[in-house]
C-alpha cells in the first residue's frame, strides 16, 4: 500500500509585504509631518494668489516687489529664530533674545558713529557690526552661566536677562532711537543687487553657515543628543555644561546679528527693536518642525517657518486686511503645528512629558 506524504503548509508570503507597507506608510506620514512648514507655505502662497486675483485682478506670487518685501519682513525674526532653534532643540528656551537684539542695535549705532570719526566709513560700519555682536554675547554668557553652572531653569534665567538687557538698552540709548550717520550702513540696509536686497544676501549666507553648524558638526550632533536625552548624553561623555555655555552665547550672537542688521535697515538703533519679535521667532521654530520637548528641528525648517509668518503678515497687508488678523492667523498656525507634532510623537512612539 503506497504511503502518502503530507505536504507542509505553504508559508504566508503576505506577512512581510504587509509589514513593509506599514513601514512605508509610517515613514510617509512622518515625512509629511516634518515638511509641514513647507506645505503651510505652499498653501498660503496659493491662497493669497487666488485671493489677489479674485479681489482686484492682480497677482501676489509673480510680483518681484512682493518677494523683496517678504524677504525683508522675514530677516529679523529669522535671525532670532536661528539662535532659538539651537536652544529649543537642546530642550531649553531663550526669552532674552528680543532685548539682546535691541541692545545690539543701539551699540551698533553708537559704535558706527564714533568709529566714523576716526576711520573710513566702510571700516567703521564693519567695526560697529562686530562690536554689536560681541556685546550681545555678554548677556548670552551670563545666561549660559546661570543655566549650566547654577542650574537655573532656562525659562527663569533668560526671563531675568530679558529685563536686564531691556534696561541696559534703554539706558544706552537714552530712551530714544540713535540715528546712524554712515552712508555705507544705509546702503547695506536698503541697497540691492540684481533686485536682491543686500540684507537678504547677508542673511542667506549666515543661515547656510548655521545650517552647516547644526547638521554637519559635532556641536550640532551633541545639541540633538542633549535635547533627546540629557542623561544619555552625559553618559556618552558630552560635556553638558560647556555645551550649554556655548549654546547660549551662540543664541545671543544671532540676536546681535539681528540687531546690527536692524540698525542698518532703519539707519538707527532702537532699544525696543526686538520686543515684538520674540513670539515670532519661537513661532518660526515651532512651525518649522522643532519639538518643544527637544531633540528635533532644523535650520531649513525654521527658514520655512519664518517665511510662513512673513507671508501671512505681508499678504494680509497686501490684500488690505486689518493687520490685527495677523496675530490670529499666526496663532492658529502655531496651534496646528504643535498638534501635528503631538500626533507625530504619539504615532512614532516618542516619549512625551505628561
Foldseek 3Di string as FASTA:
>chain_A
DDDDDDDDDDDDPCPVVVVVVVVVVLVVLLVCLLCQLVVLLVVLQVVLQVLVCVQPNDGQPPDLVNVQQLLLQLQLLLLLLLLQLLQLQLLAGALQLLLLLLQLLLQLQVQLQVVVVPDPNVVSNVVSLVVSLVVLLVLLLVLLCCCQPVVDGSVVSNVVNNVVSLVVSCVSCVNDKRAHDGVVLLCQQPNDDPSHRNSSVVSVVVLVVSQCVLPPDPLNVLSLVSLQPVVVSVVVPDPVSVSSSVSSSSSSSSSSNSSSSVCSNVNIRGSSRRVVSSVLSVLLQLLLPRASSHNDGGSVSSSSSSSSLSCLQSSCVVSVHPNVVSVVVSVVSSVVSNVSNVVSCVSVVRDDDD
